[in-house]
Amino acid sequence: MENNSNIELREKIRLGLSLAFKKLVAYKAKNDGVLVFSDQGKIVRVKAKDIKL
């Protein structure tokens, strides 16, 4: 069973990753950039301006 400090740490990490992704998308959208993802092993390129957060 996990203790509360592990749960709190996990939540802080999730929030940090979410914030970092939002900043990345905003930066790429500002500079007309493209993000690259993998969808079931297939490479997919998405314009940052098309991503809705």
N, C-alpha and C. Protein backbone atom coordinates (compact mmCIF):
# COMPACT_ATOMS: atom_id res chain seq x y z
N MET A 1 0.84 -1.17 0.00
CA MET A 1 0.00 0.00 0.00
C MET A 1 0.89 1.25 0.00
N GLU A 2 0.52 2.22 -0.81
CA GLU A 2 1.31 3.44 -0.91
C GLU A 2 0.98 4.39 0.24
N ASN A 3 1.99 5.09 0.67
CA ASN A 3 1.72 6.08 1.71
C ASN A 3 1.39 7.42 1.06
N ASN A 4 0.94 8.37 1.85
CA ASN A 4 0.47 9.65 1.32
C ASN A 4 1.56 10.44 0.63
N SER A 5 2.81 10.33 1.11
CA SER A 5 3.88 11.11 0.48
C SER A 5 4.14 10.64 -0.95
N ASN A 6 4.03 9.34 -1.21
CA ASN A 6 4.20 8.83 -2.57
C ASN A 6 3.08 9.31 -3.47
N ILE A 7 1.87 9.32 -2.96
CA ILE A 7 0.72 9.78 -3.74
C ILE A 7 0.87 11.27 -4.06
N GLU A 8 1.28 12.06 -3.08
CA GLU A 8 1.46 13.50 -3.28
C GLU A 8 2.58 13.76 -4.29
N LEU A 9 3.67 13.02 -4.18
CA LEU A 9 4.78 13.18 -5.11
C LEU A 9 4.34 12.83 -6.53
N ARG A 10 3.62 11.75 -6.68
CA ARG A 10 3.13 11.34 -8.00
C ARG A 10 2.23 12.42 -8.61
N GLU A 11 1.38 13.02 -7.80
CA GLU A 11 0.48 14.07 -8.29
C GLU A 11 1.26 15.32 -8.70
N LYS A 12 2.30 15.67 -7.94
CA LYS A 12 3.13 16.81 -8.28
C LYS A 12 3.87 16.57 -9.59
N ILE A 13 4.33 15.36 -9.80
CA ILE A 13 5.03 15.02 -11.05
C ILE A 13 4.06 15.12 -12.22
N ARG A 14 2.85 14.61 -12.06
CA ARG A 14 1.84 14.71 -13.13
C ARG A 14 1.53 16.16 -13.48
N LEU A 15 1.37 16.99 -12.46
CA LEU A 15 1.08 18.41 -12.71
C LEU A 15 2.24 19.08 -13.43
N GLY A 16 3.46 18.75 -13.02
CA GLY A 16 4.65 19.31 -13.67
C GLY A 16 4.76 18.91 -15.12
N LEU A 17 4.49 17.64 -15.42
CA LEU A 17 4.53 17.17 -16.80
C LEU A 17 3.45 17.84 -17.64
N SER A 18 2.28 18.00 -17.07
CA SER A 18 1.19 18.67 -17.78
C SER A 18 1.55 20.11 -18.10
N LEU A 19 2.11 20.82 -17.13
CA LEU A 19 2.51 22.20 -17.34
C LEU A 19 3.62 22.30 -18.40
N ALA A 20 4.59 21.40 -18.35
CA ALA A 20 5.68 21.41 -19.32
C ALA A 20 5.15 21.16 -20.73
N PHE A 21 4.19 20.25 -20.89
CA PHE A 21 3.61 19.97 -22.20
C PHE A 21 2.85 21.19 -22.73
N LYS A 22 2.10 21.85 -21.86
CA LYS A 22 1.36 23.05 -22.27
C LYS A 22 2.31 24.15 -22.73
N LYS A 23 3.42 24.32 -22.00
CA LYS A 23 4.40 25.32 -22.39
C LYS A 23 5.06 24.96 -23.72
N LEU A 24 5.35 23.69 -23.93
CA LEU A 24 5.95 23.25 -25.18
C LEU A 24 5.02 23.52 -26.35
N VAL A 25 3.74 23.18 -26.20
CA VAL A 25 2.77 23.40 -27.27
C VAL A 25 2.63 24.90 -27.55
N ALA A 26 2.58 25.72 -26.51
CA ALA A 26 2.46 27.17 -26.70
C ALA A 26 3.68 27.72 -27.44
N TYR A 27 4.86 27.26 -27.07
CA TYR A 27 6.09 27.73 -27.72
C TYR A 27 6.12 27.31 -29.19
N LYS A 28 5.77 26.05 -29.44
CA LYS A 28 5.78 25.55 -30.82
C LYS A 28 4.72 26.25 -31.66
N ALA A 29 3.55 26.53 -31.09
CA ALA A 29 2.49 27.21 -31.82
C ALA A 29 2.92 28.64 -32.17
N LYS A 30 3.60 29.28 -31.25
CA LYS A 30 4.08 30.65 -31.47
C LYS A 30 5.08 30.70 -32.62
N ASN A 31 5.90 29.66 -32.74
CA ASN A 31 6.94 29.60 -33.77
C ASN A 31 6.54 28.74 -34.97
N ASP A 32 5.25 28.46 -35.10
CA ASP A 32 4.71 27.65 -36.21
C ASP A 32 5.43 26.31 -36.31
N GLY A 33 5.55 25.64 -35.17
CA GLY A 33 6.27 24.38 -35.10
C GLY A 33 5.37 23.16 -35.23
N VAL A 34 6.01 22.01 -35.32
CA VAL A 34 5.34 20.73 -35.47
C VAL A 34 5.79 19.81 -34.33
N LEU A 35 4.84 19.06 -33.77
CA LEU A 35 5.16 18.06 -32.76
C LEU A 35 5.02 16.67 -33.39
N VAL A 36 5.87 15.76 -32.97
CA VAL A 36 5.88 14.41 -33.52
C VAL A 36 5.48 13.43 -32.43
N PHE A 37 4.48 12.59 -32.73
CA PHE A 37 3.98 11.59 -31.80
C PHE A 37 4.03 10.22 -32.45
N SER A 38 3.88 9.20 -31.64
CA SER A 38 3.77 7.84 -32.14
C SER A 38 2.37 7.32 -31.82
N ASP A 39 1.68 6.84 -32.84
CA ASP A 39 0.34 6.28 -32.67
C ASP A 39 0.35 4.83 -33.12
N GLN A 40 0.42 3.92 -32.18
CA GLN A 40 0.48 2.48 -32.43
C GLN A 40 1.64 2.14 -33.36
N GLY A 41 2.80 2.76 -33.08
CA GLY A 41 4.00 2.47 -33.84
C GLY A 41 4.16 3.29 -35.11
N LYS A 42 3.16 4.06 -35.48
CA LYS A 42 3.22 4.89 -36.68
C LYS A 42 3.55 6.33 -36.28
N ILE A 43 4.49 6.96 -36.98
CA ILE A 43 4.89 8.32 -36.68
C ILE A 43 3.85 9.29 -37.23
N VAL A 44 3.40 10.21 -36.35
CA VAL A 44 2.39 11.19 -36.72
C VAL A 44 2.93 12.58 -36.42
N ARG A 45 2.85 13.47 -37.39
CA ARG A 45 3.27 14.86 -37.21
C ARG A 45 2.03 15.73 -37.11
N VAL A 46 2.02 16.60 -36.08
CA VAL A 46 0.87 17.44 -35.82
C VAL A 46 1.35 18.88 -35.65
N LYS A 47 0.70 19.81 -36.35
CA LYS A 47 1.03 21.21 -36.16
C LYS A 47 0.58 21.63 -34.77
N ALA A 48 1.43 22.37 -34.08
CA ALA A 48 1.13 22.77 -32.71
C ALA A 48 -0.13 23.62 -32.64
N LYS A 49 -0.42 24.39 -33.68
CA LYS A 49 -1.61 25.23 -33.69
C LYS A 49 -2.89 24.40 -33.73
N ASP A 50 -2.80 23.14 -34.17
CA ASP A 50 -3.98 22.27 -34.26
C ASP A 50 -4.29 21.56 -32.94
N ILE A 51 -3.39 21.64 -31.97
CA ILE A 51 -3.58 20.95 -30.70
C ILE A 51 -4.42 21.82 -29.77
N LYS A 52 -5.52 21.25 -29.30
CA LYS A 52 -6.41 21.95 -28.36
C LYS A 52 -6.15 21.41 -26.97
N LEU A 53 -5.81 22.28 -26.05
CA LEU A 53 -5.54 21.85 -24.67
C LEU A 53 -6.72 22.13 -23.77
